[in-house]
Amino acid sequence: MIDYHGLPLPNWSKIAFCIGCDLFDMTIGRLLLGVSIFTDVVGALVMFLLWGPKGIFALWEVLDPTEQIDGFIPTNTIIALAASRK
């Protein structure tokens, strides 16, 4: 079994990055309708790299190709706060 817990960066920097990603998703990300699934998959990959297997939960955003629902839910920040608690 893989024992990967994410990149060895300070939690505050990973949380700040996730907040920035959510702000992008809530503003500009909602306008990128042609590439929304691509950005959601790449976002989930980045979350996996930052937080390990817990970051895979970001893939739920692929279920909304219109970007109208998941743009209002700060998925990355929620995952970051949950993963940073030990």
C-alpha atoms as a PDB file:
ATOM      1  CA  MET A   1       0.000   0.000   0.000  1.00  0.00           C
ATOM      2  CA  ILE A   2       1.228   3.485  -0.818  1.00  0.00           C
ATOM      3  CA  ASP A   3       1.919   5.656   2.198  1.00  0.00           C
ATOM      4  CA  TYR A   4       1.775   9.090   0.571  1.00  0.00           C
ATOM      5  CA  HIS A   5       0.649  12.063   2.653  1.00  0.00           C
ATOM      6  CA  GLY A   6       1.238  14.930   0.234  1.00  0.00           C
ATOM      7  CA  LEU A   7       4.073  17.297  -0.481  1.00  0.00           C
ATOM      8  CA  PRO A   8       6.224  18.197   2.528  1.00  0.00           C
ATOM      9  CA  LEU A   9       5.288  21.882   2.601  1.00  0.00           C
ATOM     10  CA  PRO A  10       4.022  23.924   5.544  1.00  0.00           C
ATOM     11  CA  ASN A  11       0.275  23.495   6.014  1.00  0.00           C
ATOM     12  CA  TRP A  12      -0.334  27.239   5.923  1.00  0.00           C
ATOM     13  CA  SER A  13       1.151  27.487   2.422  1.00  0.00           C
ATOM     14  CA  LYS A  14      -0.889  24.555   1.132  1.00  0.00           C
ATOM     15  CA  ILE A  15      -4.073  25.997   2.656  1.00  0.00           C
ATOM     16  CA  ALA A  16      -3.343  29.427   1.148  1.00  0.00           C
ATOM     17  CA  PHE A  17      -2.830  27.823  -2.264  1.00  0.00           C
ATOM     18  CA  CYS A  18      -6.137  25.957  -1.945  1.00  0.00           C
ATOM     19  CA  ILE A  19      -7.984  29.157  -1.005  1.00  0.00           C
ATOM     20  CA  GLY A  20      -6.492  30.835  -4.088  1.00  0.00           C
ATOM     21  CA  CYS A  21      -7.618  27.940  -6.277  1.00  0.00           C
ATOM     22  CA  ASP A  22     -11.148  28.182  -4.881  1.00  0.00           C
ATOM     23  CA  LEU A  23     -11.265  31.934  -5.484  1.00  0.00           C
ATOM     24  CA  PHE A  24     -10.186  31.304  -9.076  1.00  0.00           C
ATOM     25  CA  ASP A  25     -12.863  28.619  -9.439  1.00  0.00           C
ATOM     26  CA  MET A  26     -15.559  30.905  -8.006  1.00  0.00           C
ATOM     27  CA  THR A  27     -14.724  33.773 -10.371  1.00  0.00           C
ATOM     28  CA  ILE A  28     -12.852  33.029 -13.585  1.00  0.00           C
ATOM     29  CA  GLY A  29     -13.345  29.271 -13.408  1.00  0.00           C
ATOM     30  CA  ARG A  30     -17.095  29.633 -13.883  1.00  0.00           C
ATOM     31  CA  LEU A  31     -16.491  31.326 -17.227  1.00  0.00           C
ATOM     32  CA  LEU A  32     -14.298  28.542 -18.627  1.00  0.00           C
ATOM     33  CA  LEU A  33     -17.163  26.334 -19.764  1.00  0.00           C
ATOM     34  CA  GLY A  34     -15.224  24.661 -22.572  1.00  0.00           C
ATOM     35  CA  VAL A  35     -12.414  23.427 -20.339  1.00  0.00           C
ATOM     36  CA  SER A  36     -14.196  22.990 -17.010  1.00  0.00           C
ATOM     37  CA  ILE A  37     -13.804  19.207 -16.848  1.00  0.00           C
ATOM     38  CA  PHE A  38     -10.103  19.506 -17.683  1.00  0.00           C
ATOM     39  CA  THR A  39      -9.547  22.100 -14.955  1.00  0.00           C
ATOM     40  CA  ASP A  40     -11.464  19.967 -12.437  1.00  0.00           C
ATOM     41  CA  VAL A  41      -9.369  16.875 -13.202  1.00  0.00           C
ATOM     42  CA  VAL A  42      -6.121  18.856 -13.020  1.00  0.00           C
ATOM     43  CA  GLY A  43      -7.346  20.453  -9.785  1.00  0.00           C
ATOM     44  CA  ALA A  44      -7.986  17.017  -8.283  1.00  0.00           C
ATOM     45  CA  LEU A  45      -4.492  15.912  -9.324  1.00  0.00           C
ATOM     46  CA  VAL A  46      -2.994  18.990  -7.643  1.00  0.00           C
ATOM     47  CA  MET A  47      -5.037  18.301  -4.513  1.00  0.00           C
ATOM     48  CA  PHE A  48      -3.738  14.716  -4.497  1.00  0.00           C
ATOM     49  CA  LEU A  49      -0.165  16.000  -4.770  1.00  0.00           C
ATOM     50  CA  LEU A  50      -0.715  18.450  -1.911  1.00  0.00           C
ATOM     51  CA  TRP A  51      -2.732  16.300   0.503  1.00  0.00           C
ATOM     52  CA  GLY A  52      -2.398  12.696  -0.612  1.00  0.00           C
ATOM     53  CA  PRO A  53      -5.380  10.389  -1.152  1.00  0.00           C
ATOM     54  CA  LYS A  54      -7.741  12.817   0.588  1.00  0.00           C
ATOM     55  CA  GLY A  55      -7.330  15.135  -2.402  1.00  0.00           C
ATOM     56  CA  ILE A  56      -9.162  12.689  -4.666  1.00  0.00           C
ATOM     57  CA  PHE A  57     -12.436  13.960  -3.173  1.00  0.00           C
ATOM     58  CA  ALA A  58     -12.007  17.015  -5.409  1.00  0.00           C
ATOM     59  CA  LEU A  59     -13.064  14.839  -8.351  1.00  0.00           C
ATOM     60  CA  TRP A  60     -16.709  15.343  -7.384  1.00  0.00           C
ATOM     61  CA  GLU A  61     -16.535  18.656  -9.264  1.00  0.00           C
ATOM     62  CA  VAL A  62     -16.365  16.735 -12.557  1.00  0.00           C
ATOM     63  CA  LEU A  63     -20.025  15.819 -12.005  1.00  0.00           C
ATOM     64  CA  ASP A  64     -21.036  19.435 -12.709  1.00  0.00           C
ATOM     65  CA  PRO A  65     -19.913  20.310 -16.267  1.00  0.00           C
ATOM     66  CA  THR A  66     -21.774  23.645 -16.128  1.00  0.00           C
ATOM     67  CA  GLU A  67     -19.550  24.972 -13.294  1.00  0.00           C
ATOM     68  CA  GLN A  68     -22.637  26.607 -11.775  1.00  0.00           C
ATOM     69  CA  ILE A  69     -22.936  24.470  -8.639  1.00  0.00           C
ATOM     70  CA  ASP A  70     -19.365  23.536  -7.752  1.00  0.00           C
ATOM     71  CA  GLY A  71     -18.225  27.148  -8.191  1.00  0.00           C
ATOM     72  CA  PHE A  72     -20.042  28.005  -4.962  1.00  0.00           C
ATOM     73  CA  ILE A  73     -18.565  25.180  -2.891  1.00  0.00           C
ATOM     74  CA  PRO A  74     -14.944  25.769  -1.801  1.00  0.00           C
ATOM     75  CA  THR A  75     -13.942  22.128  -2.265  1.00  0.00           C
ATOM     76  CA  ASN A  76     -10.184  22.704  -2.165  1.00  0.00           C
ATOM     77  CA  THR A  77     -10.385  24.732   1.040  1.00  0.00           C
ATOM     78  CA  ILE A  78     -12.633  22.156   2.706  1.00  0.00           C
ATOM     79  CA  ILE A  79     -10.225  19.354   1.782  1.00  0.00           C
ATOM     80  CA  ALA A  80      -7.255  21.438   2.947  1.00  0.00           C
ATOM     81  CA  LEU A  81      -8.789  22.210   6.326  1.00  0.00           C
ATOM     82  CA  ALA A  82      -9.891  18.610   6.831  1.00  0.00           C
ATOM     83  CA  ALA A  83      -6.527  17.168   5.754  1.00  0.00           C
ATOM     84  CA  SER A  84      -4.489  19.583   7.861  1.00  0.00           C
ATOM     85  CA  ARG A  85      -6.176  18.397  11.066  1.00  0.00           C
ATOM     86  CA  LYS A  86      -4.423  15.492  12.689  1.00  0.00           C
END
